[in-house]
Amino acid sequence: MYGGPIELWNTSGVTDMSLAFLAAEGFTADLAQWDVSSVTKMIDIFSRSKEFGADVSNWNTSQVTTLKRAFAETENYASDLSTWDTSRVSDMNSICSQSVNFAADVSTWNTSRISN
C-alpha cells in the first residue's frame, strides 16, 4: 500500500485520514491523484500545518462525514478546496479555529447537514 513516492501511494482503501498531515510544514507533494473516495473521517487532517501547498483539489470527498478541526491552527493554508463535496459532512466543529491567513475557497461547500 505504501512505499515509494507519496504521490503514488494507493489510498483507495483508506477510510480515516485523521491526523495524516498534522503539523506538516512546507508540504508541496502532488496528491491530486490520491483516491480518497472511501474516506469518511478527516479529523485534524491538516491542523497545525504551515505553508501547506499540496494539490488536493481533485479529491473525491463525497463520503466524508466529519471535518472536525481539519484546518485548525494552520498558517497560510491556500490549497484549492472549492470542488470538495461536503454534502455528507455533519461535523465541522472548530474547522478553522485559530487559523492564520486561511485562504482556501470554501464558498461552494454544502453545509446543510452541519449539526454543531
Protein backbone atom coordinates (compact mmCIF):
# COMPACT_ATOMS: atom_id res chain seq x y z
CA MET A 1 0.00 0.00 0.00
CA TYR A 2 2.71 2.46 0.95
CA GLY A 3 6.29 2.88 -0.09
CA GLY A 4 7.84 4.78 -2.92
CA PRO A 5 6.91 8.37 -3.74
CA ILE A 6 3.94 9.63 -1.70
CA GLU A 7 2.28 10.82 -4.89
CA LEU A 8 1.88 7.19 -5.98
CA TRP A 9 0.56 5.69 -2.76
CA ASN A 10 -2.56 3.53 -3.11
CA THR A 11 -5.04 5.19 -0.75
CA SER A 12 -8.19 3.63 -2.20
CA GLY A 13 -8.90 1.53 0.90
CA VAL A 14 -8.32 4.28 3.46
CA THR A 15 -11.42 5.31 5.44
CA ASP A 16 -9.85 7.52 8.13
CA MET A 17 -7.31 10.20 7.23
CA SER A 18 -7.40 11.90 10.61
CA LEU A 19 -4.05 13.45 11.60
CA ALA A 20 -2.50 12.50 8.23
CA PHE A 21 -0.75 15.85 7.71
CA LEU A 22 -0.75 17.12 11.29
CA ALA A 23 1.87 19.86 11.70
CA ALA A 24 3.26 19.40 8.17
CA GLU A 25 5.49 22.31 7.16
CA GLY A 26 6.16 23.35 3.59
CA PHE A 27 4.49 20.22 2.21
CA THR A 28 4.10 20.51 -1.57
CA ALA A 29 3.78 16.95 -2.89
CA ASP A 30 1.23 16.46 -5.66
CA LEU A 31 -1.59 14.47 -4.07
CA ALA A 32 -4.11 15.20 -6.83
CA GLN A 33 -4.25 11.55 -7.89
CA TRP A 34 -4.92 10.12 -4.45
CA ASP A 35 -8.16 8.12 -4.30
CA VAL A 36 -9.87 9.25 -1.10
CA SER A 37 -13.36 8.21 -2.20
CA SER A 38 -13.71 5.79 0.76
CA VAL A 39 -12.62 8.28 3.41
CA THR A 40 -15.28 9.23 5.97
CA LYS A 41 -13.14 10.93 8.65
CA MET A 42 -10.72 13.82 8.20
CA ILE A 43 -10.40 14.96 11.81
CA ASP A 44 -7.37 17.26 12.24
CA ILE A 45 -6.13 16.16 8.79
CA PHE A 46 -4.23 19.40 8.12
CA SER A 47 -4.32 21.03 11.55
CA ARG A 48 -1.21 22.90 12.67
CA SER A 49 0.26 22.70 9.16
CA LYS A 50 2.25 25.67 7.87
CA GLU A 51 2.64 26.71 4.24
CA PHE A 52 0.74 23.60 3.08
CA GLY A 53 0.69 23.71 -0.71
CA ALA A 54 -0.14 20.18 -1.84
CA ASP A 55 -2.80 19.88 -4.53
CA VAL A 56 -5.88 18.24 -3.01
CA SER A 57 -8.40 19.91 -5.32
CA ASN A 58 -9.33 16.68 -7.13
CA TRP A 59 -10.06 14.70 -4.00
CA ASN A 60 -13.44 12.95 -4.03
CA THR A 61 -14.71 13.85 -0.56
CA SER A 62 -18.29 12.74 -1.17
CA GLN A 63 -18.19 10.14 1.66
CA VAL A 64 -16.63 12.38 4.31
CA THR A 65 -18.86 12.90 7.35
CA THR A 66 -16.52 14.77 9.67
CA LEU A 67 -14.06 17.59 9.06
CA LYS A 68 -13.68 18.44 12.76
CA ARG A 69 -10.65 20.72 13.29
CA ALA A 70 -9.48 19.82 9.76
CA PHE A 71 -7.72 23.17 9.26
CA ALA A 72 -7.39 24.33 12.88
CA GLU A 73 -4.25 26.29 13.77
CA THR A 74 -2.98 26.27 10.17
CA GLU A 75 -0.81 29.07 8.82
CA ASN A 76 -1.04 30.28 5.23
CA TYR A 77 -3.22 27.41 4.00
CA ALA A 78 -4.14 28.09 0.39
CA SER A 79 -4.89 24.78 -1.35
CA ASP A 80 -7.96 24.81 -3.62
CA LEU A 81 -10.92 23.26 -1.80
CA SER A 82 -13.71 24.74 -3.93
CA THR A 83 -14.62 21.43 -5.57
CA TRP A 84 -14.81 19.36 -2.41
CA ASP A 85 -18.18 17.65 -1.94
CA THR A 86 -19.22 18.28 1.67
CA SER A 87 -22.86 17.22 1.29
CA ARG A 88 -22.49 14.35 3.83
CA VAL A 89 -20.46 16.28 6.40
CA SER A 90 -22.29 16.73 9.70
CA ASP A 91 -19.36 17.84 11.88
CA MET A 92 -17.21 20.87 11.06
CA ASN A 93 -16.65 21.79 14.69
CA SER A 94 -13.71 24.21 15.02
CA ILE A 95 -12.78 23.54 11.40
CA CYS A 96 -10.60 26.65 11.09
CA SER A 97 -10.19 27.71 14.70
CA GLN A 98 -7.08 29.78 15.38
CA SER A 99 -6.00 29.61 11.73
CA VAL A 100 -3.85 32.42 10.36
CA ASN A 101 -4.23 33.55 6.73
CA PHE A 102 -6.61 30.76 5.73
CA ALA A 103 -7.10 31.49 2.02
CA ALA A 104 -8.81 28.36 0.73
CA ASP A 105 -12.09 28.94 -1.12
CA VAL A 106 -14.88 27.10 0.71
CA SER A 107 -17.71 29.31 -0.53
CA THR A 108 -19.29 26.46 -2.52
CA TRP A 109 -19.36 23.96 0.34
CA ASN A 110 -22.70 22.39 1.24
CA THR A 111 -23.22 22.83 4.98
CA SER A 112 -26.86 21.73 5.16
CA ARG A 113 -26.11 18.71 7.40
CA ILE A 114 -23.93 20.52 9.92
CA SER A 115 -25.26 19.86 13.41
CA ASN A 116 -22.75 21.79 15.52
